[in-house]
Amino acid sequence: MPVSLQVAYPVSEDSTFDLDYYLSSHMALVGKHMGPYIESTLVTKGLAGGPNVPAPFHAIATIVFKDQDALNSALGDSADVLADIPNFTNSKPQMLIGEVMG
């Protein structure tokens, strides 16, 4: 059964996020190290949290894997990906691992 890893980068009063670096460099690093295990990726840029409500996240990445074993293998190869986070944000990422339902 497919599983997903979602990584959300919360907005705070003093948080920064370099979207250009994230899209061009960080996601390329994700592909280099975790790519063999990935079925698909989607990056969503935060625009709003509802009508007239600021976005609670700078961005959310959704990465889908064939199954839990593929996710576990990808996470095993993620050290360089995790080490790159300070290069584009000072926000502490939140992660959600879930079962893809449809």
PDB file of N, CA and C in Angstrom:
ATOM      1  N   MET A   1       0.836  -1.175   0.000  1.00  0.00           N
ATOM      2  CA  MET A   1       0.000   0.000   0.000  1.00  0.00           C
ATOM      3  C   MET A   1       0.887   1.248   0.000  1.00  0.00           C
ATOM      4  N   PRO A   2       0.588   2.230  -0.853  1.00  0.00           N
ATOM      5  CA  PRO A   2       1.407   3.448  -0.899  1.00  0.00           C
ATOM      6  C   PRO A   2       1.362   4.221   0.419  1.00  0.00           C
ATOM      7  N   VAL A   3       2.488   4.831   0.746  1.00  0.00           N
ATOM      8  CA  VAL A   3       2.579   5.710   1.906  1.00  0.00           C
ATOM      9  C   VAL A   3       3.165   7.043   1.454  1.00  0.00           C
ATOM     10  N   SER A   4       2.841   8.083   2.211  1.00  0.00           N
ATOM     11  CA  SER A   4       3.372   9.399   1.873  1.00  0.00           C
ATOM     12  C   SER A   4       4.130   9.979   3.056  1.00  0.00           C
ATOM     13  N   LEU A   5       5.057  10.812   2.722  1.00  0.00           N
ATOM     14  CA  LEU A   5       5.780  11.625   3.685  1.00  0.00           C
ATOM     15  C   LEU A   5       5.456  13.062   3.335  1.00  0.00           C
ATOM     16  N   GLN A   6       4.857  13.773   4.280  1.00  0.00           N
ATOM     17  CA  GLN A   6       4.603  15.193   4.074  1.00  0.00           C
ATOM     18  C   GLN A   6       5.501  15.962   5.017  1.00  0.00           C
ATOM     19  N   VAL A   7       6.170  16.963   4.464  1.00  0.00           N
ATOM     20  CA  VAL A   7       7.052  17.817   5.247  1.00  0.00           C
ATOM     21  C   VAL A   7       6.518  19.234   5.123  1.00  0.00           C
ATOM     22  N   ALA A   8       6.101  19.799   6.259  1.00  0.00           N
ATOM     23  CA  ALA A   8       5.514  21.138   6.290  1.00  0.00           C
ATOM     24  C   ALA A   8       6.463  22.081   7.014  1.00  0.00           C
ATOM     25  N   TYR A   9       6.625  23.269   6.460  1.00  0.00           N
ATOM     26  CA  TYR A   9       7.526  24.274   7.009  1.00  0.00           C
ATOM     27  C   TYR A   9       6.686  25.416   7.574  1.00  0.00           C
ATOM     28  N   PRO A  10       6.462  25.414   8.908  1.00  0.00           N
ATOM     29  CA  PRO A  10       5.565  26.394   9.514  1.00  0.00           C
ATOM     30  C   PRO A  10       6.079  27.830   9.446  1.00  0.00           C
ATOM     31  N   VAL A  11       5.134  28.733   9.302  1.00  0.00           N
ATOM     32  CA  VAL A  11       5.416  30.164   9.351  1.00  0.00           C
ATOM     33  C   VAL A  11       5.374  30.600  10.817  1.00  0.00           C
ATOM     34  N   SER A  12       6.342  31.387  11.209  1.00  0.00           N
ATOM     35  CA  SER A  12       6.317  32.041  12.516  1.00  0.00           C
ATOM     36  C   SER A  12       6.732  33.487  12.316  1.00  0.00           C
ATOM     37  N   GLU A  13       6.668  34.242  13.381  1.00  0.00           N
ATOM     38  CA  GLU A  13       6.973  35.669  13.290  1.00  0.00           C
ATOM     39  C   GLU A  13       8.362  35.939  12.724  1.00  0.00           C
ATOM     40  N   ASP A  14       9.324  35.078  13.059  1.00  0.00           N
ATOM     41  CA  ASP A  14      10.696  35.312  12.621  1.00  0.00           C
ATOM     42  C   ASP A  14      11.216  34.266  11.628  1.00  0.00           C
ATOM     43  N   SER A  15      10.331  33.450  11.070  1.00  0.00           N
ATOM     44  CA  SER A  15      10.807  32.405  10.158  1.00  0.00           C
ATOM     45  C   SER A  15      11.133  32.971   8.782  1.00  0.00           C
ATOM     46  N   THR A  16      12.098  32.318   8.153  1.00  0.00           N
ATOM     47  CA  THR A  16      12.488  32.656   6.783  1.00  0.00           C
ATOM     48  C   THR A  16      12.420  31.380   5.946  1.00  0.00           C
ATOM     49  N   PHE A  17      12.222  31.567   4.641  1.00  0.00           N
ATOM     50  CA  PHE A  17      12.137  30.420   3.738  1.00  0.00           C
ATOM     51  C   PHE A  17      12.518  30.891   2.340  1.00  0.00           C
ATOM     52  N   ASP A  18      13.563  30.292   1.773  1.00  0.00           N
ATOM     53  CA  ASP A  18      14.033  30.635   0.425  1.00  0.00           C
ATOM     54  C   ASP A  18      13.431  29.629  -0.558  1.00  0.00           C
ATOM     55  N   LEU A  19      12.298  29.991  -1.136  1.00  0.00           N
ATOM     56  CA  LEU A  19      11.574  29.087  -2.026  1.00  0.00           C
ATOM     57  C   LEU A  19      12.383  28.732  -3.267  1.00  0.00           C
ATOM     58  N   ASP A  20      13.098  29.689  -3.827  1.00  0.00           N
ATOM     59  CA  ASP A  20      13.900  29.401  -5.021  1.00  0.00           C
ATOM     60  C   ASP A  20      14.955  28.331  -4.728  1.00  0.00           C
ATOM     61  N   TYR A  21      15.665  28.477  -3.612  1.00  0.00           N
ATOM     62  CA  TYR A  21      16.662  27.473  -3.232  1.00  0.00           C
ATOM     63  C   TYR A  21      15.981  26.129  -2.990  1.00  0.00           C
ATOM     64  N   TYR A  22      14.863  26.158  -2.281  1.00  0.00           N
ATOM     65  CA  TYR A  22      14.137  24.925  -1.964  1.00  0.00           C
ATOM     66  C   TYR A  22      13.771  24.157  -3.232  1.00  0.00           C
ATOM     67  N   LEU A  23      13.197  24.873  -4.202  1.00  0.00           N
ATOM     68  CA  LEU A  23      12.754  24.214  -5.434  1.00  0.00           C
ATOM     69  C   LEU A  23      13.915  23.771  -6.315  1.00  0.00           C
ATOM     70  N   SER A  24      14.936  24.609  -6.438  1.00  0.00           N
ATOM     71  CA  SER A  24      16.015  24.285  -7.378  1.00  0.00           C
ATOM     72  C   SER A  24      17.101  23.400  -6.783  1.00  0.00           C
ATOM     73  N   SER A  25      17.469  23.636  -5.540  1.00  0.00           N
ATOM     74  CA  SER A  25      18.584  22.893  -4.952  1.00  0.00           C
ATOM     75  C   SER A  25      18.142  21.784  -3.999  1.00  0.00           C
ATOM     76  N   HIS A  26      17.269  22.123  -3.049  1.00  0.00           N
ATOM     77  CA  HIS A  26      16.894  21.124  -2.048  1.00  0.00           C
ATOM     78  C   HIS A  26      16.123  19.962  -2.668  1.00  0.00           C
ATOM     79  N   MET A  27      15.147  20.259  -3.499  1.00  0.00           N
ATOM     80  CA  MET A  27      14.371  19.174  -4.102  1.00  0.00           C
ATOM     81  C   MET A  27      15.229  18.335  -5.050  1.00  0.00           C
ATOM     82  N   ALA A  28      16.240  18.936  -5.664  1.00  0.00           N
ATOM     83  CA  ALA A  28      17.184  18.156  -6.474  1.00  0.00           C
ATOM     84  C   ALA A  28      17.977  17.197  -5.583  1.00  0.00           C
ATOM     85  N   LEU A  29      18.323  17.653  -4.390  1.00  0.00           N
ATOM     86  CA  LEU A  29      19.019  16.802  -3.429  1.00  0.00           C
ATOM     87  C   LEU A  29      18.115  15.654  -2.971  1.00  0.00           C
ATOM     88  N   VAL A  30      16.849  15.946  -2.760  1.00  0.00           N
ATOM     89  CA  VAL A  30      15.876  14.904  -2.427  1.00  0.00           C
ATOM     90  C   VAL A  30      15.872  13.851  -3.537  1.00  0.00           C
ATOM     91  N   GLY A  31      15.813  14.308  -4.782  1.00  0.00           N
ATOM     92  CA  GLY A  31      15.807  13.393  -5.913  1.00  0.00           C
ATOM     93  C   GLY A  31      17.077  12.565  -6.010  1.00  0.00           C
ATOM     94  N   LYS A  32      18.210  13.195  -5.738  1.00  0.00           N
ATOM     95  CA  LYS A  32      19.498  12.494  -5.828  1.00  0.00           C
ATOM     96  C   LYS A  32      19.603  11.375  -4.789  1.00  0.00           C
ATOM     97  N   HIS A  33      19.206  11.662  -3.556  1.00  0.00           N
ATOM     98  CA  HIS A  33      19.415  10.706  -2.471  1.00  0.00           C
ATOM     99  C   HIS A  33      18.226   9.773  -2.232  1.00  0.00           C
ATOM    100  N   MET A  34      17.028  10.262  -2.465  1.00  0.00           N
ATOM    101  CA  MET A  34      15.844   9.476  -2.140  1.00  0.00           C
ATOM    102  C   MET A  34      15.061   9.059  -3.380  1.00  0.00           C
ATOM    103  N   GLY A  35      15.438   9.620  -4.527  1.00  0.00           N
ATOM    104  CA  GLY A  35      14.713   9.432  -5.772  1.00  0.00           C
ATOM    105  C   GLY A  35      14.415   8.007  -6.191  1.00  0.00           C
ATOM    106  N   PRO A  36      15.349   7.067  -6.021  1.00  0.00           N
ATOM    107  CA  PRO A  36      15.060   5.698  -6.453  1.00  0.00           C
ATOM    108  C   PRO A  36      13.857   5.069  -5.737  1.00  0.00           C
ATOM    109  N   TYR A  37      13.472   5.628  -4.608  1.00  0.00           N
ATOM    110  CA  TYR A  37      12.373   5.068  -3.825  1.00  0.00           C
ATOM    111  C   TYR A  37      11.062   5.841  -3.995  1.00  0.00           C
ATOM    112  N   ILE A  38      11.123   6.985  -4.669  1.00  0.00           N
ATOM    113  CA  ILE A  38       9.982   7.901  -4.767  1.00  0.00           C
ATOM    114  C   ILE A  38       9.124   7.579  -5.988  1.00  0.00           C
ATOM    115  N   GLU A  39       7.805   7.563  -5.784  1.00  0.00           N
ATOM    116  CA  GLU A  39       6.869   7.418  -6.899  1.00  0.00           C
ATOM    117  C   GLU A  39       6.437   8.771  -7.443  1.00  0.00           C
ATOM    118  N   SER A  40       6.219   9.759  -6.563  1.00  0.00           N
ATOM    119  CA  SER A  40       5.835  11.095  -7.016  1.00  0.00           C
ATOM    120  C   SER A  40       6.107  12.113  -5.920  1.00  0.00           C
ATOM    121  N   THR A  41       6.239  13.368  -6.336  1.00  0.00           N
ATOM    122  CA  THR A  41       6.402  14.469  -5.391  1.00  0.00           C
ATOM    123  C   THR A  41       5.498  15.620  -5.809  1.00  0.00           C
ATOM    124  N   LEU A  42       5.114  16.389  -4.817  1.00  0.00           N
ATOM    125  CA  LEU A  42       4.296  17.580  -5.033  1.00  0.00           C
ATOM    126  C   LEU A  42       4.720  18.602  -3.996  1.00  0.00           C
ATOM    127  N   VAL A  43       5.011  19.817  -4.435  1.00  0.00           N
ATOM    128  CA  VAL A  43       5.330  20.901  -3.513  1.00  0.00           C
ATOM    129  C   VAL A  43       4.230  21.933  -3.626  1.00  0.00           C
ATOM    130  N   THR A  44       3.665  22.307  -2.477  1.00  0.00           N
ATOM    131  CA  THR A  44       2.620  23.318  -2.427  1.00  0.00           C
ATOM    132  C   THR A  44       3.148  24.529  -1.674  1.00  0.00           C
ATOM    133  N   LYS A  45       3.108  25.686  -2.323  1.00  0.00           N
ATOM    134  CA  LYS A  45       3.506  26.941  -1.689  1.00  0.00           C
ATOM    135  C   LYS A  45       2.308  27.475  -0.917  1.00  0.00           C
ATOM    136  N   GLY A  46       2.519  27.816   0.346  1.00  0.00           N
ATOM    137  CA  GLY A  46       1.435  28.355   1.157  1.00  0.00           C
ATOM    138  C   GLY A  46       1.019  29.741   0.706  1.00  0.00           C
ATOM    139  N   LEU A  47      -0.271  29.918   0.483  1.00  0.00           N
ATOM    140  CA  LEU A  47      -0.820  31.225   0.117  1.00  0.00           C
ATOM    141  C   LEU A  47      -1.719  31.786   1.213  1.00  0.00           C
ATOM    142  N   ALA A  48      -2.544  30.919   1.815  1.00  0.00           N
ATOM    143  CA  ALA A  48      -3.485  31.370   2.844  1.00  0.00           C
ATOM    144  C   ALA A  48      -3.934  30.173   3.670  1.00  0.00           C
ATOM    145  N   GLY A  49      -4.425  30.463   4.850  1.00  0.00           N
ATOM    146  CA  GLY A  49      -4.995  29.446   5.718  1.00  0.00           C
ATOM    147  C   GLY A  49      -6.510  29.494   5.705  1.00  0.00           C
ATOM    148  N   GLY A  50      -7.060  30.254   4.805  1.00  0.00           N
ATOM    149  CA  GLY A  50      -8.497  30.466   4.662  1.00  0.00           C
ATOM    150  C   GLY A  50      -8.702  31.898   4.213  1.00  0.00           C
ATOM    151  N   PRO A  51      -9.943  32.304   4.006  1.00  0.00           N
ATOM    152  CA  PRO A  51     -10.202  33.695   3.598  1.00  0.00           C
ATOM    153  C   PRO A  51      -9.657  34.682   4.634  1.00  0.00           C
ATOM    154  N   ASN A  52      -8.807  35.582   4.177  1.00  0.00           N
ATOM    155  CA  ASN A  52      -8.223  36.625   5.028  1.00  0.00           C
ATOM    156  C   ASN A  52      -7.420  36.067   6.209  1.00  0.00           C
ATOM    157  N   VAL A  53      -6.873  34.861   6.036  1.00  0.00           N
ATOM    158  CA  VAL A  53      -6.040  34.236   7.067  1.00  0.00           C
ATOM    159  C   VAL A  53      -4.671  33.950   6.454  1.00  0.00           C
ATOM    160  N   PRO A  54      -3.593  34.421   7.097  1.00  0.00           N
ATOM    161  CA  PRO A  54      -2.263  34.147   6.540  1.00  0.00           C
ATOM    162  C   PRO A  54      -1.971  32.647   6.477  1.00  0.00           C
ATOM    163  N   ALA A  55      -1.135  32.272   5.549  1.00  0.00           N
ATOM    164  CA  ALA A  55      -0.742  30.868   5.399  1.00  0.00           C
ATOM    165  C   ALA A  55      -0.014  30.393   6.652  1.00  0.00           C
ATOM    166  N   PRO A  56      -0.377  29.224   7.176  1.00  0.00           N
ATOM    167  CA  PRO A  56       0.330  28.703   8.342  1.00  0.00           C
ATOM    168  C   PRO A  56       1.661  28.034   7.998  1.00  0.00           C
ATOM    169  N   PHE A  57       1.871  27.754   6.698  1.00  0.00           N
ATOM    170  CA  PHE A  57       3.091  27.087   6.247  1.00  0.00           C
ATOM    171  C   PHE A  57       3.680  27.827   5.049  1.00  0.00           C
ATOM    172  N   HIS A  58       5.020  27.900   5.015  1.00  0.00           N
ATOM    173  CA  HIS A  58       5.701  28.436   3.836  1.00  0.00           C
ATOM    174  C   HIS A  58       5.460  27.511   2.644  1.00  0.00           C
ATOM    175  N   ALA A  59       5.594  26.211   2.888  1.00  0.00           N
ATOM    176  CA  ALA A  59       5.433  25.196   1.845  1.00  0.00           C
ATOM    177  C   ALA A  59       5.206  23.846   2.505  1.00  0.00           C
ATOM    178  N   ILE A  60       4.604  22.951   1.730  1.00  0.00           N
ATOM    179  CA  ILE A  60       4.442  21.564   2.157  1.00  0.00           C
ATOM    180  C   ILE A  60       4.857  20.674   0.994  1.00  0.00           C
ATOM    181  N   ALA A  61       5.767  19.756   1.257  1.00  0.00           N
ATOM    182  CA  ALA A  61       6.168  18.769   0.252  1.00  0.00           C
ATOM    183  C   ALA A  61       5.453  17.465   0.571  1.00  0.00           C
ATOM    184  N   THR A  62       4.869  16.867  -0.455  1.00  0.00           N
ATOM    185  CA  THR A  62       4.242  15.556  -0.330  1.00  0.00           C
ATOM    186  C   THR A  62       5.005  14.606  -1.235  1.00  0.00           C
ATOM    187  N   ILE A  63       5.565  13.561  -0.636  1.00  0.00           N
ATOM    188  CA  ILE A  63       6.357  12.582  -1.377  1.00  0.00           C
ATOM    189  C   ILE A  63       5.691  11.227  -1.186  1.00  0.00           C
ATOM    190  N   VAL A  64       5.386  10.565  -2.290  1.00  0.00           N
ATOM    191  CA  VAL A  64       4.685   9.279  -2.238  1.00  0.00           C
ATOM    192  C   VAL A  64       5.656   8.153  -2.572  1.00  0.00           C
ATOM    193  N   PHE A  65       5.540   7.085  -1.774  1.00  0.00           N
ATOM    194  CA  PHE A  65       6.376   5.896  -1.929  1.00  0.00           C
ATOM    195  C   PHE A  65       5.490   4.681  -2.174  1.00  0.00           C
ATOM    196  N   LYS A  66       6.035   3.673  -2.842  1.00  0.00           N
ATOM    197  CA  LYS A  66       5.282   2.455  -3.158  1.00  0.00           C
ATOM    198  C   LYS A  66       4.729   1.794  -1.904  1.00  0.00           C
ATOM    199  N   ASP A  67       5.559   1.772  -0.844  1.00  0.00           N
ATOM    200  CA  ASP A  67       5.153   1.106   0.392  1.00  0.00           C
ATOM    201  C   ASP A  67       6.066   1.571   1.525  1.00  0.00           C
ATOM    202  N   GLN A  68       5.812   1.063   2.714  1.00  0.00           N
ATOM    203  CA  GLN A  68       6.584   1.459   3.893  1.00  0.00           C
ATOM    204  C   GLN A  68       8.058   1.099   3.755  1.00  0.00           C
ATOM    205  N   ASP A  69       8.362  -0.031   3.121  1.00  0.00           N
ATOM    206  CA  ASP A  69       9.764  -0.414   2.932  1.00  0.00           C
ATOM    207  C   ASP A  69      10.508   0.606   2.078  1.00  0.00           C
ATOM    208  N   ALA A  70       9.860   1.103   1.031  1.00  0.00           N
ATOM    209  CA  ALA A  70      10.483   2.120   0.181  1.00  0.00           C
ATOM    210  C   ALA A  70      10.719   3.406   0.967  1.00  0.00           C
ATOM    211  N   LEU A  71       9.738   3.806   1.770  1.00  0.00           N
ATOM    212  CA  LEU A  71       9.902   4.988   2.617  1.00  0.00           C
ATOM    213  C   LEU A  71      11.058   4.789   3.592  1.00  0.00           C
ATOM    214  N   ASN A  72      11.111   3.640   4.234  1.00  0.00           N
ATOM    215  CA  ASN A  72      12.196   3.366   5.188  1.00  0.00           C
ATOM    216  C   ASN A  72      13.559   3.429   4.512  1.00  0.00           C
ATOM    217  N   SER A  73      13.660   2.895   3.306  1.00  0.00           N
ATOM    218  CA  SER A  73      14.921   2.949   2.565  1.00  0.00           C
ATOM    219  C   SER A  73      15.283   4.391   2.232  1.00  0.00           C
ATOM    220  N   ALA A  74      14.296   5.170   1.800  1.00  0.00           N
ATOM    221  CA  ALA A  74      14.537   6.578   1.473  1.00  0.00           C
ATOM    222  C   ALA A  74      15.003   7.342   2.701  1.00  0.00           C
ATOM    223  N   LEU A  75      14.350   7.117   3.830  1.00  0.00           N
ATOM    224  CA  LEU A  75      14.750   7.802   5.057  1.00  0.00           C
ATOM    225  C   LEU A  75      16.159   7.409   5.468  1.00  0.00           C
ATOM    226  N   GLY A  76      16.547   6.187   5.173  1.00  0.00           N
ATOM    227  CA  GLY A  76      17.904   5.739   5.462  1.00  0.00           C
ATOM    228  C   GLY A  76      18.957   6.468   4.647  1.00  0.00           C
ATOM    229  N   ASP A  77      18.545   7.030   3.507  1.00  0.00           N
ATOM    230  CA  ASP A  77      19.462   7.764   2.636  1.00  0.00           C
ATOM    231  C   ASP A  77      19.251   9.277   2.713  1.00  0.00           C
ATOM    232  N   SER A  78      18.646   9.761   3.791  1.00  0.00           N
ATOM    233  CA  SER A  78      18.233  11.167   3.846  1.00  0.00           C
ATOM    234  C   SER A  78      19.154  12.091   4.642  1.00  0.00           C
ATOM    235  N   ALA A  79      20.289  11.610   5.112  1.00  0.00           N
ATOM    236  CA  ALA A  79      21.155  12.443   5.961  1.00  0.00           C
ATOM    237  C   ALA A  79      21.548  13.752   5.284  1.00  0.00           C
ATOM    238  N   ASP A  80      21.962  13.700   4.022  1.00  0.00           N
ATOM    239  CA  ASP A  80      22.361  14.917   3.306  1.00  0.00           C
ATOM    240  C   ASP A  80      21.169  15.843   3.082  1.00  0.00           C
ATOM    241  N   VAL A  81      20.000  15.263   2.877  1.00  0.00           N
ATOM    242  CA  VAL A  81      18.776  16.059   2.686  1.00  0.00           C
ATOM    243  C   VAL A  81      18.463  16.825   3.970  1.00  0.00           C
ATOM    244  N   LEU A  82      18.502  16.140   5.095  1.00  0.00           N
ATOM    245  CA  LEU A  82      18.220  16.783   6.380  1.00  0.00           C
ATOM    246  C   LEU A  82      19.265  17.847   6.710  1.00  0.00           C
ATOM    247  N   ALA A  83      20.514  17.582   6.398  1.00  0.00           N
ATOM    248  CA  ALA A  83      21.587  18.539   6.673  1.00  0.00           C
ATOM    249  C   ALA A  83      21.439  19.813   5.852  1.00  0.00           C
ATOM    250  N   ASP A  84      20.708  19.760   4.747  1.00  0.00           N
ATOM    251  CA  ASP A  84      20.538  20.914   3.861  1.00  0.00           C
ATOM    252  C   ASP A  84      19.466  21.890   4.347  1.00  0.00           C
ATOM    253  N   ILE A  85      18.612  21.480   5.253  1.00  0.00           N
ATOM    254  CA  ILE A  85      17.476  22.314   5.669  1.00  0.00           C
ATOM    255  C   ILE A  85      17.894  23.722   6.111  1.00  0.00           C
ATOM    256  N   PRO A  86      18.951  23.899   6.912  1.00  0.00           N
ATOM    257  CA  PRO A  86      19.323  25.265   7.315  1.00  0.00           C
ATOM    258  C   PRO A  86      19.742  26.173   6.156  1.00  0.00           C
ATOM    259  N   ASN A  87      19.986  25.601   4.983  1.00  0.00           N
ATOM    260  CA  ASN A  87      20.360  26.415   3.829  1.00  0.00           C
ATOM    261  C   ASN A  87      19.181  27.171   3.232  1.00  0.00           C
ATOM    262  N   PHE A  88      17.946  26.811   3.591  1.00  0.00           N
ATOM    263  CA  PHE A  88      16.798  27.518   3.017  1.00  0.00           C
ATOM    264  C   PHE A  88      15.757  27.976   4.037  1.00  0.00           C
ATOM    265  N   THR A  89      15.853  27.514   5.285  1.00  0.00           N
ATOM    266  CA  THR A  89      14.863  27.955   6.270  1.00  0.00           C
ATOM    267  C   THR A  89      15.409  27.854   7.685  1.00  0.00           C
ATOM    268  N   ASN A  90      14.854  28.694   8.557  1.00  0.00           N
ATOM    269  CA  ASN A  90      15.124  28.574   9.983  1.00  0.00           C
ATOM    270  C   ASN A  90      13.897  27.997  10.700  1.00  0.00           C
ATOM    271  N   SER A  91      12.908  27.605   9.922  1.00  0.00           N
ATOM    272  CA  SER A  91      11.694  26.989  10.451  1.00  0.00           C
ATOM    273  C   SER A  91      11.965  25.519  10.763  1.00  0.00           C
ATOM    274  N   LYS A  92      11.360  25.012  11.818  1.00  0.00           N
ATOM    275  CA  LYS A  92      11.524  23.596  12.163  1.00  0.00           C
ATOM    276  C   LYS A  92      10.451  22.788  11.432  1.00  0.00           C
ATOM    277  N   PRO A  93      10.839  21.935  10.480  1.00  0.00           N
ATOM    278  CA  PRO A  93       9.848  21.188   9.701  1.00  0.00           C
ATOM    279  C   PRO A  93       9.015  20.243  10.570  1.00  0.00           C
ATOM    280  N   GLN A  94       7.772  20.102  10.169  1.00  0.00           N
ATOM    281  CA  GLN A  94       6.878  19.115  10.770  1.00  0.00           C
ATOM    282  C   GLN A  94       6.680  18.009   9.745  1.00  0.00           C
ATOM    283  N   MET A  95       6.657  16.765  10.199  1.00  0.00           N
ATOM    284  CA  MET A  95       6.505  15.634   9.277  1.00  0.00           C
ATOM    285  C   MET A  95       5.251  14.835   9.608  1.00  0.00           C
ATOM    286  N   LEU A  96       4.648  14.314   8.561  1.00  0.00           N
ATOM    287  CA  LEU A  96       3.519  13.400   8.706  1.00  0.00           C
ATOM    288  C   LEU A  96       3.738  12.246   7.744  1.00  0.00           C
ATOM    289  N   ILE A  97       3.765  11.041   8.270  1.00  0.00           N
ATOM    290  CA  ILE A  97       3.830   9.839   7.449  1.00  0.00           C
ATOM    291  C   ILE A  97       2.422   9.259   7.454  1.00  0.00           C
ATOM    292  N   GLY A  98       1.901   8.965   6.274  1.00  0.00           N
ATOM    293  CA  GLY A  98       0.523   8.490   6.209  1.00  0.00           C
ATOM    294  C   GLY A  98       0.300   7.468   5.130  1.00  0.00           C
ATOM    295  N   GLU A  99      -0.828   6.796   5.240  1.00  0.00           N
ATOM    296  CA  GLU A  99      -1.266   5.821   4.252  1.00  0.00           C
ATOM    297  C   GLU A  99      -2.042   6.560   3.177  1.00  0.00           C
ATOM    298  N   VAL A 100      -1.665   6.361   1.918  1.00  0.00           N
ATOM    299  CA  VAL A 100      -2.351   7.025   0.806  1.00  0.00           C
ATOM    300  C   VAL A 100      -3.672   6.300   0.571  1.00  0.00           C
ATOM    301  N   MET A 101      -4.745   7.049   0.630  1.00  0.00           N
ATOM    302  CA  MET A 101      -6.079   6.461   0.556  1.00  0.00           C
ATOM    303  C   MET A 101      -6.704   6.578  -0.833  1.00  0.00           C
ATOM    304  N   GLY A 102      -6.206   7.398  -1.671  1.00  0.00           N
ATOM    305  CA  GLY A 102      -6.812   7.509  -2.996  1.00  0.00           C
ATOM    306  C   GLY A 102      -6.180   8.557  -3.834  1.00  0.00           C
TER     307      GLY A 102
END
